[in-house]
Amino acid sequence: MASVGSRRKRAKLNWSGQSSGAGEELVRPEALQLTRKYLRETGNETARGLASSSDAELLQRLGAFGDDGLLTNAARLLFAGNGHSVIEYRFRGGHKELRPDGELSALEQLTLVLEAVRDNNPEVQMPDRVEERTVPALSELAAREAVVNGVVHRDWVATHATEVEQEHRFGALRVRSPGGFVRGFGEYNIFSRSPFPRNPELMKLLEPLGLVENRGAGVGRMVTELIGNGQPAPTFREVEDSSVEVLLGGRPPDPAWRFWITELGWPRELEDHRLLLLLRRVADHRWIDVRTAARITHTPELLAGPLLKRLRTIEVSGGPLLVPVTGVPPESPEVWTLSQPVREGMTELYDRLKLAMPGRDRQTVARSYVQSRGRLSTTELGSILGISAAGAIPLIQKLERTGVVQPAWAHRKGRGFHYVLKDPVSGGG
């Protein structure tokens, strides 16, 4: 017999498809006008035909009615509203606030906030050698995904509004939506979990409008847009009051990174946002192993291995994208780094655009490696950085002076000599 708690949880999850007890007469004409606008903007012939249908047929074909012939909870919310402001907007630095009238439908309120986010997204100046003079600080597609997800996947049993906050500097966007993570989702597995929508009927209504993808690709699209622009991946966390907070941006776009991926030919493998995450990790730290790949992609090592293997299959100008790091003990997991031609191509591009290249701080690279792997040799570091083993010695000596590493044995000589992490408890990377 199901517990009271499990029955209550199922009721919450099935809320969007339940009958609202309300009829078509509550639907706001303005909401249907917006619906038709979104349908026409999709460019889809079927959607345009749907936009030309009568109100009753439009609602019927969208799936707004339940088995009892009345609006579902999702349809009433989207097209009629619930009497509350369901989403609020604040622009920090510009001192602007938007709290839509509770008499508006959720679709109208959502549209007002999406327009505010788009209009207040600052433009970032590009280097002289870049064709575009300015670009939006934050991808419009990624921003829209975050805002829409904050409405679609929230807990509608809660009455307080989804909060959207935008920063003037670099357009950083924070979306906080009521309701914690659902069905096993969390901040450390969200990049790889199979989608499970909290409000499936709400998603079905929004999909033809081009506002969501019913296959649940929203997180992947956010990651692809942000990483593709050289910005950090979105972060997801559960905060007070059982709300989920999503943070996007905070760093300007990196045109050199976009050009570099374009020069790679945007390999088909990079359509998987998890491989794009791995590529950026290699660029930032100049090395990657299966344990790090698992952490970055939110997958177990058993699944991260095949992902890393797919990244290794990418070829650039007939050569490999990644090569093994030399000097790694045979009993240790393999480590991979950018091949020399790829590394040199990236360096040339960043130098030409006069932009700071990821992974150029050698001391940071050395520190990240030893903190994660627990050991570091001149051969390993030289292989990662593309320098000689002798050239790696001063870098490791600096780590020793600052108390990060110590010699594996006192006399510092002999085959296989290396350094180890002085305080393994502080390891990470």
Protein backbone atom coordinates (compact mmCIF):
# COMPACT_ATOMS: atom_id res chain seq x y z
CA MET A 1 0.00 0.00 0.00
CA ALA A 2 1.40 3.41 -1.00
CA SER A 3 2.28 5.80 1.79
CA VAL A 4 0.53 9.13 2.24
CA GLY A 5 3.80 10.85 1.29
CA SER A 6 4.20 8.90 -1.97
CA ARG A 7 0.56 9.55 -2.94
CA ARG A 8 1.04 13.25 -2.25
CA LYS A 9 4.20 13.26 -4.36
CA ARG A 10 2.42 11.58 -7.28
CA ALA A 11 -0.42 14.10 -7.01
CA LYS A 12 2.09 16.93 -7.30
CA LEU A 13 3.79 15.35 -10.30
CA ASN A 14 0.47 14.73 -12.08
CA TRP A 15 -0.94 18.17 -11.28
CA SER A 16 -0.57 19.61 -14.78
CA GLY A 17 -2.80 16.98 -16.39
CA GLN A 18 -5.58 17.05 -13.82
CA SER A 19 -8.87 18.83 -14.50
CA SER A 20 -9.04 22.45 -13.39
CA GLY A 21 -12.84 22.35 -13.29
CA ALA A 22 -12.88 25.44 -15.53
CA GLY A 23 -14.23 25.79 -19.04
CA GLU A 24 -13.01 27.49 -22.20
CA GLU A 25 -14.80 30.73 -21.30
CA LEU A 26 -12.01 31.61 -18.84
CA VAL A 27 -9.33 31.63 -21.54
CA ARG A 28 -7.98 35.13 -22.16
CA PRO A 29 -8.11 36.36 -25.78
CA GLU A 30 -4.70 37.98 -25.24
CA ALA A 31 -3.23 34.59 -24.36
CA LEU A 32 -4.58 33.04 -27.56
CA GLN A 33 -3.25 35.99 -29.55
CA LEU A 34 0.20 35.33 -28.10
CA THR A 35 -0.17 31.62 -28.79
CA ARG A 36 -0.82 32.33 -32.47
CA LYS A 37 2.16 34.69 -32.59
CA TYR A 38 4.49 32.01 -31.21
CA LEU A 39 3.09 29.40 -33.58
CA ARG A 40 3.71 31.62 -36.62
CA GLU A 41 7.25 32.44 -35.48
CA THR A 42 8.24 28.76 -35.40
CA GLY A 43 8.34 28.76 -39.21
CA ASN A 44 6.66 25.36 -39.15
CA GLU A 45 3.92 24.90 -41.74
CA THR A 46 1.80 22.77 -39.40
CA ALA A 47 2.15 25.34 -36.62
CA ARG A 48 1.13 28.16 -38.97
CA GLY A 49 -1.94 26.18 -39.97
CA LEU A 50 -2.76 25.66 -36.31
CA ALA A 51 -2.48 29.41 -35.72
CA SER A 52 -5.22 30.01 -38.31
CA SER A 53 -7.75 27.71 -36.63
CA SER A 54 -10.64 28.84 -34.44
CA ASP A 55 -10.17 29.35 -30.71
CA ALA A 56 -11.93 26.10 -29.81
CA GLU A 57 -10.02 24.08 -32.42
CA LEU A 58 -6.72 25.67 -31.40
CA LEU A 59 -7.21 24.70 -27.77
CA GLN A 60 -8.42 21.24 -28.72
CA ARG A 61 -5.46 20.51 -30.98
CA LEU A 62 -2.98 21.82 -28.43
CA GLY A 63 -4.38 19.37 -25.88
CA ALA A 64 -5.84 21.94 -23.49
CA PHE A 65 -8.84 19.82 -22.47
CA GLY A 66 -8.99 16.80 -20.20
CA ASP A 67 -11.25 13.77 -20.47
CA ASP A 68 -14.06 15.75 -18.83
CA GLY A 69 -14.00 18.39 -21.56
CA LEU A 70 -12.68 21.04 -19.17
CA LEU A 71 -9.32 22.80 -19.16
CA THR A 72 -6.47 20.91 -17.56
CA ASN A 73 -4.61 22.66 -14.75
CA ALA A 74 -1.77 23.35 -17.20
CA ALA A 75 -4.11 24.90 -19.78
CA ARG A 76 -5.94 27.06 -17.26
CA LEU A 77 -2.63 28.33 -15.88
CA LEU A 78 -1.14 29.02 -19.29
CA PHE A 79 -4.16 30.56 -21.01
CA ALA A 80 -6.27 31.96 -18.14
CA GLY A 81 -3.93 32.40 -15.17
CA ASN A 82 -4.39 31.60 -11.51
CA GLY A 83 -4.88 35.08 -10.09
CA HIS A 84 -1.25 35.39 -8.94
CA SER A 85 1.99 36.78 -10.30
CA VAL A 86 3.69 33.53 -11.27
CA ILE A 87 7.01 35.06 -12.36
CA GLU A 88 8.87 38.20 -11.27
CA TYR A 89 11.87 40.00 -12.78
CA ARG A 90 14.59 42.21 -11.33
CA PHE A 91 17.41 43.94 -13.23
CA ARG A 92 20.31 44.66 -10.91
CA GLY A 93 22.41 47.65 -11.88
CA GLY A 94 19.54 49.14 -13.84
CA HIS A 95 17.14 49.28 -10.89
CA LYS A 96 14.26 47.81 -12.87
CA GLU A 97 11.61 45.49 -11.52
CA LEU A 98 8.70 43.75 -13.17
CA ARG A 99 5.87 42.07 -11.31
CA PRO A 100 3.20 41.15 -13.89
CA ASP A 101 -0.45 41.59 -12.94
CA GLY A 102 -1.90 38.41 -11.47
CA GLU A 103 -4.90 38.78 -13.78
CA LEU A 104 -2.66 37.96 -16.75
CA SER A 105 -2.26 34.40 -17.96
CA ALA A 106 1.02 32.62 -17.27
CA LEU A 107 1.86 32.82 -20.98
CA GLU A 108 1.45 36.60 -20.95
CA GLN A 109 3.52 36.95 -17.79
CA LEU A 110 6.25 34.67 -19.14
CA THR A 111 6.38 36.67 -22.38
CA LEU A 112 6.80 39.96 -20.51
CA VAL A 113 9.75 38.57 -18.54
CA LEU A 114 11.37 36.99 -21.62
CA GLU A 115 11.17 40.37 -23.36
CA ALA A 116 12.71 42.12 -20.33
CA VAL A 117 15.59 39.62 -20.22
CA ARG A 118 16.23 40.08 -23.93
CA ASP A 119 16.01 43.89 -23.82
CA ASN A 120 18.32 44.20 -20.80
CA ASN A 121 20.94 41.73 -22.04
CA PRO A 122 24.00 44.00 -22.35
CA GLU A 123 26.16 44.12 -25.47
CA VAL A 124 29.84 43.23 -25.05
CA GLN A 125 32.54 44.92 -27.11
CA MET A 126 34.53 42.52 -29.29
CA PRO A 127 38.24 42.81 -30.18
CA ASP A 128 39.13 44.85 -33.28
CA ARG A 129 40.00 41.74 -35.30
CA VAL A 130 36.54 40.23 -34.81
CA GLU A 131 33.97 40.99 -37.52
CA GLU A 132 31.14 41.65 -35.04
CA ARG A 133 31.55 44.93 -33.15
CA THR A 134 29.41 43.79 -30.24
CA VAL A 135 27.63 40.60 -29.20
CA PRO A 136 25.02 39.88 -26.50
CA ALA A 137 26.63 39.11 -23.15
CA LEU A 138 24.45 36.04 -22.75
CA SER A 139 23.05 33.73 -25.41
CA GLU A 140 19.38 34.61 -25.94
CA LEU A 141 18.57 30.93 -26.41
CA ALA A 142 20.26 29.90 -23.15
CA ALA A 143 18.56 32.72 -21.25
CA ARG A 144 15.16 31.76 -22.64
CA GLU A 145 15.70 28.10 -21.73
CA ALA A 146 16.54 29.02 -18.14
CA VAL A 147 13.51 31.29 -17.71
CA VAL A 148 11.05 28.90 -19.37
CA ASN A 149 12.42 25.95 -17.38
CA GLY A 150 11.83 27.96 -14.22
CA VAL A 151 8.13 28.04 -15.09
CA VAL A 152 7.67 24.61 -16.66
CA HIS A 153 9.51 22.53 -14.07
CA ARG A 154 8.50 24.36 -10.90
CA ASP A 155 6.12 23.07 -8.24
CA TRP A 156 2.74 24.65 -8.96
CA VAL A 157 1.33 23.60 -5.61
CA ALA A 158 3.50 26.42 -4.21
CA THR A 159 1.98 29.87 -4.77
CA HIS A 160 5.06 32.12 -4.70
CA ALA A 161 6.53 33.34 -7.96
CA THR A 162 9.49 32.14 -9.99
CA GLU A 163 12.19 34.81 -9.52
CA VAL A 164 14.36 36.01 -12.39
CA GLU A 165 17.31 38.28 -11.63
CA GLN A 166 19.61 39.73 -14.28
CA GLU A 167 22.93 41.49 -13.71
CA HIS A 168 23.98 44.54 -15.68
CA ARG A 169 27.58 43.28 -15.84
CA PHE A 170 27.96 40.54 -18.47
CA GLY A 171 24.23 39.78 -18.23
CA ALA A 172 24.54 37.07 -15.56
CA LEU A 173 21.12 35.50 -15.08
CA ARG A 174 19.75 33.82 -11.96
CA VAL A 175 16.43 31.95 -12.03
CA ARG A 176 14.95 30.62 -8.79
CA SER A 177 11.86 28.41 -9.05
CA PRO A 178 9.70 26.89 -6.27
CA GLY A 179 10.04 23.17 -5.64
CA GLY A 180 13.22 21.18 -5.13
CA PHE A 181 14.83 18.79 -7.58
CA VAL A 182 12.46 16.07 -8.73
CA ARG A 183 12.88 12.28 -8.87
CA GLY A 184 16.56 11.82 -8.15
CA PHE A 185 17.80 14.94 -9.92
CA GLY A 186 20.49 17.00 -8.20
CA GLU A 187 23.25 19.49 -8.88
CA TYR A 188 25.79 16.69 -9.46
CA ASN A 189 23.84 14.62 -11.99
CA ILE A 190 21.71 17.06 -13.96
CA PHE A 191 23.95 17.11 -17.07
CA SER A 192 23.44 13.41 -17.71
CA ARG A 193 20.13 12.33 -16.14
CA SER A 194 17.34 11.31 -18.49
CA PRO A 195 14.70 14.08 -18.41
CA PHE A 196 11.67 13.68 -16.18
CA PRO A 197 9.31 16.67 -16.43
CA ARG A 198 7.41 17.64 -13.31
CA ASN A 199 4.58 19.10 -15.42
CA PRO A 200 4.39 17.07 -18.65
CA GLU A 201 1.08 18.55 -19.82
CA LEU A 202 2.48 22.06 -19.49
CA MET A 203 5.44 21.02 -21.63
CA LYS A 204 3.12 19.56 -24.25
CA LEU A 205 1.24 22.85 -24.50
CA LEU A 206 4.42 24.90 -24.89
CA GLU A 207 6.23 22.60 -27.31
CA PRO A 208 4.29 23.58 -30.48
CA LEU A 209 4.93 27.22 -29.57
CA GLY A 210 8.69 26.63 -29.81
CA LEU A 211 9.26 27.49 -26.15
CA VAL A 212 10.30 24.00 -25.01
CA GLU A 213 11.47 20.74 -26.51
CA ASN A 214 9.34 17.84 -25.32
CA ARG A 215 12.32 15.49 -25.34
CA GLY A 216 13.75 17.50 -22.45
CA ALA A 217 16.84 18.90 -24.14
CA GLY A 218 16.72 22.24 -22.31
CA VAL A 219 19.72 21.64 -20.03
CA GLY A 220 21.80 20.36 -22.93
CA ARG A 221 20.92 23.41 -25.01
CA MET A 222 21.92 25.75 -22.19
CA VAL A 223 25.27 23.96 -21.81
CA THR A 224 25.91 23.96 -25.57
CA GLU A 225 25.11 27.65 -25.94
CA LEU A 226 27.24 28.74 -22.99
CA ILE A 227 30.24 26.46 -23.52
CA GLY A 228 30.09 27.14 -27.26
CA ASN A 229 30.51 30.85 -26.47
CA GLY A 230 33.43 30.20 -24.13
CA GLN A 231 31.42 30.85 -20.97
CA PRO A 232 31.00 28.69 -17.85
CA ALA A 233 28.42 25.91 -17.87
CA PRO A 234 25.19 26.69 -15.99
CA THR A 235 25.10 25.74 -12.33
CA PHE A 236 22.07 24.21 -10.62
CA ARG A 237 21.58 24.02 -6.87
CA GLU A 238 18.82 23.61 -4.34
CA VAL A 239 18.51 26.61 -2.03
CA GLU A 240 16.38 27.60 0.94
CA ASP A 241 12.60 27.10 0.79
CA SER A 242 13.13 24.03 -1.43
CA SER A 243 13.75 26.14 -4.53
CA VAL A 244 16.04 25.33 -7.43
CA GLU A 245 18.41 28.08 -8.52
CA VAL A 246 20.02 28.19 -11.96
CA LEU A 247 22.91 30.58 -12.67
CA LEU A 248 24.07 31.46 -16.18
CA GLY A 249 26.86 33.68 -17.48
CA GLY A 250 28.92 36.10 -15.43
CA ARG A 251 31.82 36.06 -17.88
CA PRO A 252 31.95 37.71 -21.32
CA PRO A 253 31.77 35.57 -24.47
CA ASP A 254 35.11 34.37 -25.85
CA PRO A 255 35.16 34.90 -29.64
CA ALA A 256 38.49 33.07 -30.05
CA TRP A 257 36.99 29.94 -28.51
CA ARG A 258 34.04 30.09 -30.91
CA PHE A 259 36.40 30.53 -33.86
CA TRP A 260 38.57 27.65 -32.66
CA ILE A 261 35.64 25.23 -32.46
CA THR A 262 34.52 26.44 -35.88
CA GLU A 263 37.99 25.67 -37.22
CA LEU A 264 37.61 22.17 -35.79
CA GLY A 265 34.57 21.93 -38.06
CA TRP A 266 32.10 21.54 -35.18
CA PRO A 267 32.56 17.74 -35.16
CA ARG A 268 29.33 15.76 -34.88
CA GLU A 269 30.51 14.43 -31.51
CA LEU A 270 30.23 17.93 -30.03
CA GLU A 271 26.46 17.87 -30.55
CA ASP A 272 26.51 15.96 -27.26
CA HIS A 273 26.83 18.71 -24.66
CA ARG A 274 28.78 16.37 -22.37
CA LEU A 275 31.62 16.10 -24.91
CA LEU A 276 31.65 19.87 -25.24
CA LEU A 277 32.05 20.08 -21.46
CA LEU A 278 35.01 17.68 -21.67
CA LEU A 279 36.64 19.64 -24.48
CA ARG A 280 36.42 22.85 -22.50
CA ARG A 281 37.90 21.08 -19.47
CA VAL A 282 40.90 19.93 -21.52
CA ALA A 283 41.39 23.46 -22.85
CA ASP A 284 41.20 25.03 -19.39
CA HIS A 285 43.43 22.51 -17.57
CA ARG A 286 45.31 20.90 -20.51
CA TRP A 287 44.66 17.36 -19.28
CA ILE A 288 41.80 15.00 -18.54
CA ASP A 289 41.32 11.50 -17.15
CA VAL A 290 38.28 9.31 -16.69
CA ARG A 291 37.72 10.34 -13.07
CA THR A 292 37.66 14.01 -14.01
CA ALA A 293 35.45 13.26 -17.02
CA ALA A 294 32.96 11.54 -14.71
CA ARG A 295 32.81 14.54 -12.40
CA ILE A 296 32.48 17.09 -15.20
CA THR A 297 29.73 15.22 -17.06
CA HIS A 298 27.86 14.03 -13.94
CA THR A 299 28.21 10.37 -14.90
CA PRO A 300 29.75 7.27 -13.26
CA GLU A 301 33.27 6.41 -14.45
CA LEU A 302 31.85 3.37 -16.23
CA LEU A 303 29.89 5.72 -18.52
CA ALA A 304 32.45 8.53 -18.58
CA GLY A 305 35.03 6.23 -20.20
CA PRO A 306 33.04 5.85 -23.45
CA LEU A 307 32.38 9.61 -23.51
CA LEU A 308 36.09 10.31 -23.24
CA LYS A 309 36.77 7.72 -25.93
CA ARG A 310 34.35 9.50 -28.28
CA LEU A 311 36.19 12.77 -27.69
CA ARG A 312 39.48 11.04 -28.50
CA THR A 313 38.14 9.88 -31.86
CA ILE A 314 37.87 13.47 -33.12
CA GLU A 315 40.53 14.27 -35.69
CA VAL A 316 41.83 17.69 -36.64
CA SER A 317 43.51 18.08 -40.05
CA GLY A 318 44.09 14.34 -40.19
CA GLY A 319 45.64 14.12 -36.73
CA PRO A 320 44.23 13.36 -33.28
CA LEU A 321 42.62 16.01 -31.11
CA LEU A 322 43.96 14.34 -27.96
CA VAL A 323 47.11 12.33 -27.26
CA PRO A 324 48.18 10.35 -24.16
CA VAL A 325 50.25 12.16 -21.54
CA THR A 326 53.69 10.55 -21.33
CA GLY A 327 55.24 9.55 -18.02
CA VAL A 328 52.01 8.26 -16.47
CA PRO A 329 52.72 5.02 -14.54
CA PRO A 330 51.30 1.96 -16.35
CA GLU A 331 49.24 0.99 -13.30
CA SER A 332 47.50 4.40 -13.24
CA PRO A 333 44.49 5.49 -15.33
CA GLU A 334 45.47 7.10 -18.63
CA VAL A 335 45.63 10.87 -18.95
CA TRP A 336 45.01 12.79 -22.17
CA THR A 337 46.11 16.20 -23.41
CA LEU A 338 45.75 18.31 -26.55
CA SER A 339 48.00 17.23 -29.41
CA GLN A 340 50.80 19.60 -30.34
CA PRO A 341 49.23 20.85 -33.63
CA VAL A 342 45.92 21.51 -31.85
CA ARG A 343 47.65 23.31 -28.99
CA GLU A 344 49.70 25.44 -31.39
CA GLY A 345 46.63 26.26 -33.49
CA MET A 346 44.76 27.46 -30.42
CA THR A 347 47.73 29.53 -29.26
CA GLU A 348 48.08 31.20 -32.66
CA LEU A 349 44.38 32.09 -32.76
CA TYR A 350 44.32 33.61 -29.28
CA ASP A 351 47.54 35.52 -29.93
CA ARG A 352 46.10 36.90 -33.17
CA LEU A 353 42.98 38.16 -31.39
CA LYS A 354 45.04 39.32 -28.40
CA LEU A 355 42.86 37.43 -25.94
CA ALA A 356 43.78 35.47 -22.81
CA MET A 357 43.90 31.78 -23.73
CA PRO A 358 42.49 29.11 -21.41
CA GLY A 359 45.15 26.91 -19.86
CA ARG A 360 47.97 29.38 -20.43
CA ASP A 361 48.79 29.72 -16.71
CA ARG A 362 51.26 26.85 -16.38
CA GLN A 363 51.39 27.01 -12.61
CA THR A 364 47.62 26.57 -12.39
CA VAL A 365 47.77 23.62 -14.79
CA ALA A 366 50.49 21.92 -12.73
CA ARG A 367 48.60 22.50 -9.50
CA SER A 368 45.31 21.13 -10.87
CA TYR A 369 47.06 17.97 -12.09
CA VAL A 370 48.84 17.10 -8.86
CA GLN A 371 45.82 17.97 -6.71
CA SER A 372 43.69 15.54 -8.68
CA ARG A 373 46.21 12.81 -9.48
CA GLY A 374 48.26 12.98 -6.28
CA ARG A 375 51.58 12.90 -8.16
CA LEU A 376 53.50 14.88 -10.77
CA SER A 377 56.72 14.28 -12.69
CA THR A 378 58.66 16.54 -15.00
CA THR A 379 57.87 14.15 -17.87
CA GLU A 380 54.12 14.36 -17.24
CA LEU A 381 54.06 18.14 -16.88
CA GLY A 382 56.30 18.63 -19.92
CA SER A 383 53.98 16.44 -22.00
CA ILE A 384 50.91 18.38 -20.87
CA LEU A 385 52.42 21.81 -21.50
CA GLY A 386 54.39 20.95 -24.63
CA ILE A 387 57.73 21.81 -23.05
CA SER A 388 60.83 19.81 -22.15
CA ALA A 389 61.13 17.91 -18.88
CA ALA A 390 63.91 20.32 -17.92
CA GLY A 391 61.58 23.25 -18.57
CA ALA A 392 59.04 21.75 -16.18
CA ILE A 393 61.47 21.64 -13.25
CA PRO A 394 61.10 25.33 -12.18
CA LEU A 395 57.31 25.00 -12.20
CA ILE A 396 57.37 21.99 -9.89
CA GLN A 397 60.01 23.59 -7.68
CA LYS A 398 57.66 26.53 -7.16
CA LEU A 399 54.91 24.13 -6.10
CA GLU A 400 57.36 22.63 -3.63
CA ARG A 401 58.32 26.02 -2.21
CA THR A 402 54.68 26.92 -1.69
CA GLY A 403 54.00 23.66 0.14
CA VAL A 404 51.85 21.97 -2.51
CA VAL A 405 54.16 19.03 -3.31
CA GLN A 406 57.08 17.16 -1.82
CA PRO A 407 59.58 14.69 -3.32
CA ALA A 408 58.40 11.09 -3.45
CA TRP A 409 61.77 10.11 -1.96
CA ALA A 410 64.42 12.19 -0.25
CA HIS A 411 67.45 11.73 -2.54
CA ARG A 412 65.44 13.01 -5.56
CA LYS A 413 67.15 10.69 -8.01
CA GLY A 414 66.48 7.52 -9.91
CA ARG A 415 64.17 6.21 -12.56
CA GLY A 416 60.56 7.22 -12.02
CA PHE A 417 61.33 10.04 -9.60
CA HIS A 418 58.31 12.26 -9.09
CA TYR A 419 56.61 14.54 -6.61
CA VAL A 420 53.53 13.80 -4.55
CA LEU A 421 50.81 15.98 -3.12
CA LYS A 422 51.93 17.19 0.29
CA ASP A 423 48.43 17.35 1.77
CA PRO A 424 46.29 14.73 -0.02
CA VAL A 425 43.21 15.81 1.95
CA SER A 426 43.20 19.08 -0.01
CA GLY A 427 43.25 17.26 -3.35
CA GLY A 428 40.63 18.08 -5.95
CA GLY A 429 40.86 19.51 -9.38
